[in-house]
Protein backbone atom coordinates (compact mmCIF):
# COMPACT_ATOMS: atom_id res chain seq x y z
CA SER A 1 6.64 9.69 0.19
CA THR A 2 4.78 6.85 -1.20
CA LEU A 3 3.69 3.74 -0.04
CA LEU A 4 1.66 0.84 -1.48
CA ALA A 5 -0.42 -1.79 0.22
CA SER A 6 -1.45 -4.52 -1.87
CA SER A 7 -4.30 -6.95 -2.21
CA ALA A 8 -3.71 -10.54 -1.49
CA ALA A 9 -4.17 -11.49 -5.08
CA SER A 10 -1.13 -13.53 -6.38
CA ASP A 11 -1.50 -12.03 -9.84
CA VAL A 12 -0.32 -8.75 -8.27
CA TYR A 13 2.91 -10.26 -7.17
CA LYS A 14 3.32 -12.16 -10.85
CA ARG A 15 2.98 -8.92 -12.86
CA GLN A 16 5.27 -7.15 -10.23
CA VAL A 17 8.02 -9.70 -10.79
CA LYS A 18 7.08 -9.61 -14.75
CA ASN A 19 7.93 -5.89 -14.73
CA GLY A 20 10.74 -6.06 -12.65
CA ARG A 21 9.24 -4.26 -9.54
CA LEU A 22 9.93 -7.00 -7.35
CA SER A 23 12.10 -9.72 -7.26
CA LYS A 24 11.13 -13.17 -8.28
CA LEU A 25 12.00 -14.67 -4.90
CA VAL A 26 9.93 -12.22 -2.84
CA GLY A 27 6.83 -12.51 -5.60
CA THR A 28 6.90 -16.19 -5.10
CA VAL A 29 6.86 -16.29 -1.49
CA VAL A 30 4.17 -13.73 -0.76
CA GLY A 31 1.95 -15.05 -3.74
CA LEU A 32 2.04 -18.42 -2.09
CA LEU A 33 1.67 -17.58 1.59
CA ASN A 34 -1.38 -15.06 0.37
CA ILE A 35 0.27 -12.23 2.15
CA ARG A 36 -0.45 -8.37 1.74
CA MET A 37 2.71 -6.39 1.23
CA VAL A 38 3.52 -3.01 1.99
CA GLY A 39 6.15 -1.30 0.26
CA GLU A 40 7.74 2.10 -0.91
CA ALA A 41 8.68 3.06 -4.56
CA SER A 42 12.59 3.02 -4.50
CA LYS A 43 14.77 5.68 -6.33
CA THR A 44 15.36 3.13 -9.11
CA GLY A 45 11.50 2.50 -9.51
CA THR A 46 11.26 -0.88 -7.95
CA LEU A 47 8.91 -2.00 -5.12
CA GLU A 48 11.15 -2.27 -1.92
CA LEU A 49 9.33 -4.53 0.42
CA LEU A 50 8.81 -2.86 3.79
CA GLN A 51 6.59 -5.38 5.48
CA LYS A 52 4.52 -8.28 4.88
CA ALA A 53 1.06 -8.96 6.76
CA ARG A 54 -1.43 -12.03 6.84
CA GLY A 55 -5.11 -10.42 6.78
CA GLN A 56 -6.78 -6.92 6.35
CA LYS A 57 -6.43 -6.03 9.87
CA LYS A 58 -2.30 -6.63 10.12
CA ALA A 59 -2.24 -4.94 6.76
CA ILE A 60 -3.64 -1.87 8.13
CA LYS A 61 -1.56 -1.62 11.15
CA ALA A 62 1.85 -2.43 9.10
CA ALA A 63 0.76 0.38 6.60
CA PHE A 64 0.14 2.87 9.49
CA ASP A 65 3.51 2.13 11.04
CA GLU A 66 5.27 2.35 7.94
CA LEU A 67 3.83 5.79 7.33
CA ILE A 68 4.79 6.95 11.04
CA LYS A 69 8.29 5.66 10.29
CA ALA A 70 8.56 7.65 7.49
CA GLY A 71 7.80 10.96 9.40
CA TYR A 72 4.40 11.47 8.65
CA THR A 73 2.68 13.89 11.45
CA GLY A 74 -0.66 14.45 10.28
CA GLY A 75 -0.35 16.45 7.16
CA HIS A 76 -2.27 15.93 3.88
CA ILE A 77 -2.51 12.43 2.63
CA THR A 78 -3.71 11.32 -0.86
CA ILE A 79 -4.76 7.74 -0.82
CA ALA A 80 -5.90 5.94 -4.49
CA HIS A 81 -7.38 2.57 -4.27
CA ARG A 82 -8.62 -0.22 -6.67
CA ASN A 83 -11.98 -1.39 -5.07
CA ASN A 84 -11.07 -1.47 -1.60
CA ASP A 85 -13.49 0.84 0.18
CA LYS A 86 -13.17 -1.16 3.47
CA PHE A 87 -9.30 -0.55 4.11
CA ILE A 88 -9.97 2.83 3.46
CA GLU A 89 -12.33 3.41 5.87
CA GLN A 90 -10.49 1.42 8.53
CA PHE A 91 -7.10 2.96 7.59
CA SER A 92 -8.63 6.54 7.72
CA ALA A 93 -10.05 5.90 11.09
CA LEU A 94 -6.61 4.68 12.50
CA ILE A 95 -4.86 8.01 11.14
CA ARG A 96 -7.55 10.52 12.44
CA GLU A 97 -7.63 8.54 15.81
CA LYS A 98 -3.84 9.73 16.17
CA PHE A 99 -3.83 12.84 13.89
CA THR A 100 -7.38 14.42 14.21
CA HIS A 101 -6.67 17.17 11.66
CA ALA A 102 -5.19 15.07 8.83
CA SER A 103 -6.22 15.81 5.46
CA ILE A 104 -7.36 12.97 3.71
CA GLU A 105 -7.97 12.68 0.16
CA VAL A 106 -9.23 9.58 -1.48
CA LEU A 107 -9.61 8.62 -5.08
CA PRO A 108 -10.01 5.76 -7.35
CA THR A 109 -7.25 4.60 -9.14
CA SER A 110 -7.00 5.19 -12.93
CA GLY A 111 -4.81 4.41 -15.67
CA LEU A 112 -1.17 2.78 -15.18
CA CYS A 113 -1.95 2.85 -11.14
CA SER A 114 -4.97 0.62 -11.65
CA PHE A 115 -2.73 -1.82 -13.65
CA TYR A 116 0.06 -1.73 -11.01
CA ALA A 117 -2.47 -1.51 -8.18
CA GLU A 118 -4.53 -4.13 -9.06
CA GLU A 119 -7.76 -5.07 -7.48
CA GLY A 120 -8.18 -4.11 -3.74
CA GLY A 121 -4.64 -2.59 -3.62
CA LEU A 122 -3.95 1.27 -3.22
CA LEU A 123 -1.40 3.53 -3.70
CA MET A 124 -0.49 6.61 -1.05
CA GLY A 125 1.18 9.68 -1.06
CA TYR A 126 1.62 11.76 1.88
CA GLU A 127 3.75 14.92 3.35
CA ILE A 128 6.10 14.26 5.82
């Protein structure tokens, strides 16, 4: 499964809307309210909003909650991020609190992933 947690930058939402990956209404609302969103890739390639959170602590909890809801039980997880070491550190600590033997691989985004993740965003792939 794949999960996306975004930065709070409104340009992220504008680009997602422009590329048809996020509805215009959702993009406008989250951009105006400076909300971080947690979503997943749909089968059609659009971004499906799962949760929205104001602030980094709430975004970390929302991403973790969605990971658990999707069926993650402590297997391998790969997190690609664009300049968001603080989120990675806190998120990884939360995972290891519950799943001490989890295998967490952290990579910087590159190419097209950097384009969609934008500054501060991240993409996760994990075993369920």
